[in-house]
Amino acid sequence: VLSEMNVAQLDDLYAVQPHDHVTELSKMLPAETGRRLHAILSEREVTAQSLMTTDYLAVPRESLVGDVLTAIRSSGREADSISYVYVVEGEEHVLAGVVDLRDLVLAPDEAALADIMVSPVVSAEAEDLRDDLQEIFAKYHYRLLPVVDHRDHLLGVVRYNEIMKGVVAKVRT
């Protein structure tokens, strides 16, 4: 059951459990999930950086559509793990734009991502709080939200399901 829950759901579950139960339940989690959950539980305010994952696709702006599609097809990624391709500049991975997977599929193979990307990108700062993320997701309805530092270096992404599942359930009740 725990493996089916996202970090936000686990946070809600752990919040109502005695410390001894939390310790035992934590031993059953994958290492990455346990690390993220521990970071959340040990903070007063949950930040975007503690909720983000580094499982995203980022490519240089000069990459060609055909090459990116070939790389995606051969990557072995799950279909639901790719919604957007983030376009970055330089070795610092400065976020320059974003391409929705649907737009990528429909673009000509010889087009550069720089020509089809959307810019500027709606993003979250690493220090943004969970409430800030909820507002951004509610406003824009994105599936992923990139997280950047103060210099726009792409650090990771926050998934809609990690933030909004509990919010949607609370609104319905």
C-alpha atoms as a PDB file:
ATOM      1  CA  VAL A   1       0.000   0.000   0.000  1.00  0.00           C
ATOM      2  CA  LEU A   2       2.807   2.415   0.889  1.00  0.00           C
ATOM      3  CA  SER A   3       4.477   1.933  -2.491  1.00  0.00           C
ATOM      4  CA  GLU A   4       1.286   3.105  -4.212  1.00  0.00           C
ATOM      5  CA  MET A   5       1.188   6.374  -2.241  1.00  0.00           C
ATOM      6  CA  ASN A   6       2.968   9.540  -3.307  1.00  0.00           C
ATOM      7  CA  VAL A   7       5.092  11.594  -0.925  1.00  0.00           C
ATOM      8  CA  ALA A   8       2.292  14.074  -0.158  1.00  0.00           C
ATOM      9  CA  GLN A   9      -0.091  11.228   0.746  1.00  0.00           C
ATOM     10  CA  LEU A  10       2.562   9.610   2.931  1.00  0.00           C
ATOM     11  CA  ASP A  11       3.099  12.966   4.646  1.00  0.00           C
ATOM     12  CA  ASP A  12      -0.620  13.141   5.447  1.00  0.00           C
ATOM     13  CA  LEU A  13      -0.608   9.552   6.734  1.00  0.00           C
ATOM     14  CA  TYR A  14       2.487  10.050   8.882  1.00  0.00           C
ATOM     15  CA  ALA A  15       1.071  13.245  10.376  1.00  0.00           C
ATOM     16  CA  VAL A  16      -1.610  11.257  12.235  1.00  0.00           C
ATOM     17  CA  GLN A  17       0.563   8.290  13.270  1.00  0.00           C
ATOM     18  CA  PRO A  18       2.475   7.797  16.526  1.00  0.00           C
ATOM     19  CA  HIS A  19       6.252   8.169  16.188  1.00  0.00           C
ATOM     20  CA  ASP A  20       6.863   4.424  16.658  1.00  0.00           C
ATOM     21  CA  HIS A  21       4.557   3.584  13.741  1.00  0.00           C
ATOM     22  CA  VAL A  22       6.209   6.200  11.554  1.00  0.00           C
ATOM     23  CA  THR A  23       9.618   4.652  12.247  1.00  0.00           C
ATOM     24  CA  GLU A  24       8.416   1.160  11.328  1.00  0.00           C
ATOM     25  CA  LEU A  25       6.551   2.312   8.222  1.00  0.00           C
ATOM     26  CA  SER A  26       9.600   4.277   7.037  1.00  0.00           C
ATOM     27  CA  LYS A  27      11.690   1.109   6.921  1.00  0.00           C
ATOM     28  CA  MET A  28       9.380  -0.247   4.210  1.00  0.00           C
ATOM     29  CA  LEU A  29       9.821   2.688   1.828  1.00  0.00           C
ATOM     30  CA  PRO A  30      12.259   2.887  -1.084  1.00  0.00           C
ATOM     31  CA  ALA A  31      15.371   4.898  -0.141  1.00  0.00           C
ATOM     32  CA  GLU A  32      14.571   7.928  -2.355  1.00  0.00           C
ATOM     33  CA  THR A  33      10.975   8.148  -1.105  1.00  0.00           C
ATOM     34  CA  GLY A  34      12.152   7.805   2.481  1.00  0.00           C
ATOM     35  CA  ARG A  35      14.707  10.594   2.007  1.00  0.00           C
ATOM     36  CA  ARG A  36      12.138  12.949   0.491  1.00  0.00           C
ATOM     37  CA  LEU A  37       9.567  12.144   3.162  1.00  0.00           C
ATOM     38  CA  HIS A  38      12.101  12.653   5.961  1.00  0.00           C
ATOM     39  CA  ALA A  39      13.007  16.060   4.504  1.00  0.00           C
ATOM     40  CA  ILE A  40       9.345  17.039   4.450  1.00  0.00           C
ATOM     41  CA  LEU A  41       8.603  15.821   7.955  1.00  0.00           C
ATOM     42  CA  SER A  42      11.650  17.548   9.439  1.00  0.00           C
ATOM     43  CA  GLU A  43      10.756  20.959   7.977  1.00  0.00           C
ATOM     44  CA  ARG A  44       8.185  23.353   9.335  1.00  0.00           C
ATOM     45  CA  GLU A  45       7.309  24.486   5.835  1.00  0.00           C
ATOM     46  CA  VAL A  46       7.568  22.097   2.907  1.00  0.00           C
ATOM     47  CA  THR A  47       9.512  23.585  -0.011  1.00  0.00           C
ATOM     48  CA  ALA A  48       9.430  22.816  -3.712  1.00  0.00           C
ATOM     49  CA  GLN A  49      12.976  21.505  -3.494  1.00  0.00           C
ATOM     50  CA  SER A  50      11.976  18.843  -0.953  1.00  0.00           C
ATOM     51  CA  LEU A  51       8.989  17.777  -3.091  1.00  0.00           C
ATOM     52  CA  MET A  52      10.741  17.700  -6.458  1.00  0.00           C
ATOM     53  CA  THR A  53      12.129  14.755  -8.364  1.00  0.00           C
ATOM     54  CA  THR A  54      15.078  14.748 -10.742  1.00  0.00           C
ATOM     55  CA  ASP A  55      13.273  12.387 -13.128  1.00  0.00           C
ATOM     56  CA  TYR A  56      12.646  14.727 -16.062  1.00  0.00           C
ATOM     57  CA  LEU A  57      13.896  15.219 -19.604  1.00  0.00           C
ATOM     58  CA  ALA A  58      16.069  18.258 -20.409  1.00  0.00           C
ATOM     59  CA  VAL A  59      17.821  18.864 -23.721  1.00  0.00           C
ATOM     60  CA  PRO A  60      19.875  21.692 -25.247  1.00  0.00           C
ATOM     61  CA  ARG A  61      17.952  24.296 -27.248  1.00  0.00           C
ATOM     62  CA  GLU A  62      19.722  23.363 -30.485  1.00  0.00           C
ATOM     63  CA  SER A  63      18.504  19.736 -30.290  1.00  0.00           C
ATOM     64  CA  LEU A  64      16.443  18.581 -33.241  1.00  0.00           C
ATOM     65  CA  VAL A  65      12.934  17.184 -32.818  1.00  0.00           C
ATOM     66  CA  GLY A  66      13.775  13.926 -34.594  1.00  0.00           C
ATOM     67  CA  ASP A  67      16.812  13.310 -32.376  1.00  0.00           C
ATOM     68  CA  VAL A  68      14.824  13.996 -29.200  1.00  0.00           C
ATOM     69  CA  LEU A  69      12.014  11.659 -30.272  1.00  0.00           C
ATOM     70  CA  THR A  70      14.547   8.917 -31.035  1.00  0.00           C
ATOM     71  CA  ALA A  71      16.162   9.406 -27.615  1.00  0.00           C
ATOM     72  CA  ILE A  72      12.762   9.235 -25.879  1.00  0.00           C
ATOM     73  CA  ARG A  73      11.772   6.065 -27.730  1.00  0.00           C
ATOM     74  CA  SER A  74      15.017   4.315 -26.820  1.00  0.00           C
ATOM     75  CA  SER A  75      15.116   5.562 -23.208  1.00  0.00           C
ATOM     76  CA  GLY A  76      12.893   2.856 -21.745  1.00  0.00           C
ATOM     77  CA  ARG A  77      10.918   5.459 -19.791  1.00  0.00           C
ATOM     78  CA  GLU A  78       7.351   4.802 -18.761  1.00  0.00           C
ATOM     79  CA  ALA A  79       4.791   6.593 -20.928  1.00  0.00           C
ATOM     80  CA  ASP A  80       3.379   8.571 -17.992  1.00  0.00           C
ATOM     81  CA  SER A  81       6.807   9.827 -16.879  1.00  0.00           C
ATOM     82  CA  ILE A  82       7.206  12.187 -19.836  1.00  0.00           C
ATOM     83  CA  SER A  83       4.835  15.084 -20.362  1.00  0.00           C
ATOM     84  CA  TYR A  84       7.223  17.867 -21.245  1.00  0.00           C
ATOM     85  CA  VAL A  85      10.724  18.292 -22.590  1.00  0.00           C
ATOM     86  CA  TYR A  86      12.604  21.084 -20.841  1.00  0.00           C
ATOM     87  CA  VAL A  87      14.909  23.140 -23.021  1.00  0.00           C
ATOM     88  CA  VAL A  88      18.089  24.270 -21.296  1.00  0.00           C
ATOM     89  CA  GLU A  89      21.071  26.435 -22.129  1.00  0.00           C
ATOM     90  CA  GLY A  90      24.692  25.769 -21.245  1.00  0.00           C
ATOM     91  CA  GLU A  91      26.254  23.345 -18.826  1.00  0.00           C
ATOM     92  CA  GLU A  92      24.457  25.129 -15.974  1.00  0.00           C
ATOM     93  CA  HIS A  93      21.116  23.925 -17.383  1.00  0.00           C
ATOM     94  CA  VAL A  94      19.480  27.343 -17.368  1.00  0.00           C
ATOM     95  CA  LEU A  95      15.801  26.808 -18.147  1.00  0.00           C
ATOM     96  CA  ALA A  96      15.090  28.461 -21.499  1.00  0.00           C
ATOM     97  CA  GLY A  97      11.801  26.897 -22.553  1.00  0.00           C
ATOM     98  CA  VAL A  98       9.462  23.938 -22.502  1.00  0.00           C
ATOM     99  CA  VAL A  99       7.919  21.745 -25.206  1.00  0.00           C
ATOM    100  CA  ASP A 100       4.761  19.746 -24.581  1.00  0.00           C
ATOM    101  CA  LEU A 101       5.168  16.162 -25.766  1.00  0.00           C
ATOM    102  CA  ARG A 102       2.178  16.544 -28.109  1.00  0.00           C
ATOM    103  CA  ASP A 103       3.800  19.541 -29.805  1.00  0.00           C
ATOM    104  CA  LEU A 104       7.056  17.603 -30.113  1.00  0.00           C
ATOM    105  CA  VAL A 105       5.342  14.686 -31.856  1.00  0.00           C
ATOM    106  CA  LEU A 106       3.614  17.004 -34.344  1.00  0.00           C
ATOM    107  CA  ALA A 107       6.700  19.102 -35.185  1.00  0.00           C
ATOM    108  CA  PRO A 108       8.935  18.354 -38.194  1.00  0.00           C
ATOM    109  CA  ASP A 109      11.950  16.165 -37.374  1.00  0.00           C
ATOM    110  CA  GLU A 110      14.400  18.803 -38.597  1.00  0.00           C
ATOM    111  CA  ALA A 111      13.007  21.608 -36.375  1.00  0.00           C
ATOM    112  CA  ALA A 112      15.157  22.786 -33.471  1.00  0.00           C
ATOM    113  CA  LEU A 113      13.543  22.744 -30.056  1.00  0.00           C
ATOM    114  CA  ALA A 114      14.385  26.439 -29.737  1.00  0.00           C
ATOM    115  CA  ASP A 115      11.943  27.062 -32.605  1.00  0.00           C
ATOM    116  CA  ILE A 116       8.983  25.227 -31.043  1.00  0.00           C
ATOM    117  CA  MET A 117       9.520  25.806 -27.323  1.00  0.00           C
ATOM    118  CA  VAL A 118       7.336  28.012 -25.164  1.00  0.00           C
ATOM    119  CA  SER A 119       9.222  30.709 -23.315  1.00  0.00           C
ATOM    120  CA  PRO A 120       9.245  32.098 -20.669  1.00  0.00           C
ATOM    121  CA  VAL A 121       8.415  29.037 -18.588  1.00  0.00           C
ATOM    122  CA  VAL A 122       6.115  29.065 -15.589  1.00  0.00           C
ATOM    123  CA  SER A 123       8.276  27.602 -12.843  1.00  0.00           C
ATOM    124  CA  ALA A 124       8.609  27.354  -9.085  1.00  0.00           C
ATOM    125  CA  GLU A 125      11.532  28.618  -7.055  1.00  0.00           C
ATOM    126  CA  ALA A 126      13.289  26.000  -4.924  1.00  0.00           C
ATOM    127  CA  GLU A 127      12.135  27.777  -1.739  1.00  0.00           C
ATOM    128  CA  ASP A 128       8.474  28.094  -2.776  1.00  0.00           C
ATOM    129  CA  LEU A 129       6.127  26.497  -0.269  1.00  0.00           C
ATOM    130  CA  ARG A 130       3.541  23.779  -0.893  1.00  0.00           C
ATOM    131  CA  ASP A 131       0.751  26.397  -0.875  1.00  0.00           C
ATOM    132  CA  ASP A 132       2.549  28.322  -3.644  1.00  0.00           C
ATOM    133  CA  LEU A 133       2.820  25.153  -5.719  1.00  0.00           C
ATOM    134  CA  GLN A 134      -0.864  24.374  -5.203  1.00  0.00           C
ATOM    135  CA  GLU A 135      -1.783  27.834  -6.474  1.00  0.00           C
ATOM    136  CA  ILE A 136       0.393  27.458  -9.582  1.00  0.00           C
ATOM    137  CA  PHE A 137      -1.009  24.006 -10.374  1.00  0.00           C
ATOM    138  CA  ALA A 138      -4.582  25.204  -9.797  1.00  0.00           C
ATOM    139  CA  LYS A 139      -4.057  28.211 -12.058  1.00  0.00           C
ATOM    140  CA  TYR A 140      -2.234  26.562 -14.980  1.00  0.00           C
ATOM    141  CA  HIS A 141      -3.290  22.876 -14.791  1.00  0.00           C
ATOM    142  CA  TYR A 142       0.180  21.588 -15.744  1.00  0.00           C
ATOM    143  CA  ARG A 143       1.157  17.962 -15.151  1.00  0.00           C
ATOM    144  CA  LEU A 144       4.687  18.924 -14.048  1.00  0.00           C
ATOM    145  CA  LEU A 145       6.181  22.119 -12.718  1.00  0.00           C
ATOM    146  CA  PRO A 146       9.890  22.823 -13.137  1.00  0.00           C
ATOM    147  CA  VAL A 147      11.811  23.931 -10.048  1.00  0.00           C
ATOM    148  CA  VAL A 148      14.624  26.439 -10.514  1.00  0.00           C
ATOM    149  CA  ASP A 149      17.105  28.255  -8.301  1.00  0.00           C
ATOM    150  CA  HIS A 150      17.495  32.043  -8.197  1.00  0.00           C
ATOM    151  CA  ARG A 151      19.572  31.911 -11.426  1.00  0.00           C
ATOM    152  CA  ASP A 152      16.985  29.816 -13.315  1.00  0.00           C
ATOM    153  CA  HIS A 153      19.072  26.630 -13.192  1.00  0.00           C
ATOM    154  CA  LEU A 154      16.722  23.674 -13.615  1.00  0.00           C
ATOM    155  CA  LEU A 155      16.880  21.606 -10.420  1.00  0.00           C
ATOM    156  CA  GLY A 156      13.986  19.192 -10.869  1.00  0.00           C
ATOM    157  CA  VAL A 157      10.233  18.965 -11.308  1.00  0.00           C
ATOM    158  CA  VAL A 158       7.244  18.657  -9.027  1.00  0.00           C
ATOM    159  CA  ARG A 159       4.463  16.377 -10.218  1.00  0.00           C
ATOM    160  CA  TYR A 160       0.840  17.486 -10.088  1.00  0.00           C
ATOM    161  CA  ASN A 161      -0.160  14.292  -8.274  1.00  0.00           C
ATOM    162  CA  GLU A 162       2.411  14.926  -5.540  1.00  0.00           C
ATOM    163  CA  ILE A 163       0.755  18.239  -4.667  1.00  0.00           C
ATOM    164  CA  MET A 164      -2.864  18.280  -5.744  1.00  0.00           C
ATOM    165  CA  LYS A 165      -4.376  14.862  -4.903  1.00  0.00           C
ATOM    166  CA  GLY A 166      -4.973  15.774  -1.276  1.00  0.00           C
ATOM    167  CA  VAL A 167      -6.211  19.241  -2.221  1.00  0.00           C
ATOM    168  CA  VAL A 168      -8.763  17.939  -4.714  1.00  0.00           C
ATOM    169  CA  ALA A 169     -10.027  15.359  -2.196  1.00  0.00           C
ATOM    170  CA  LYS A 170     -10.392  18.029   0.534  1.00  0.00           C
ATOM    171  CA  VAL A 171     -12.306  20.350  -1.815  1.00  0.00           C
ATOM    172  CA  ARG A 172     -14.775  17.581  -2.738  1.00  0.00           C
ATOM    173  CA  THR A 173     -15.598  16.666   0.871  1.00  0.00           C
END
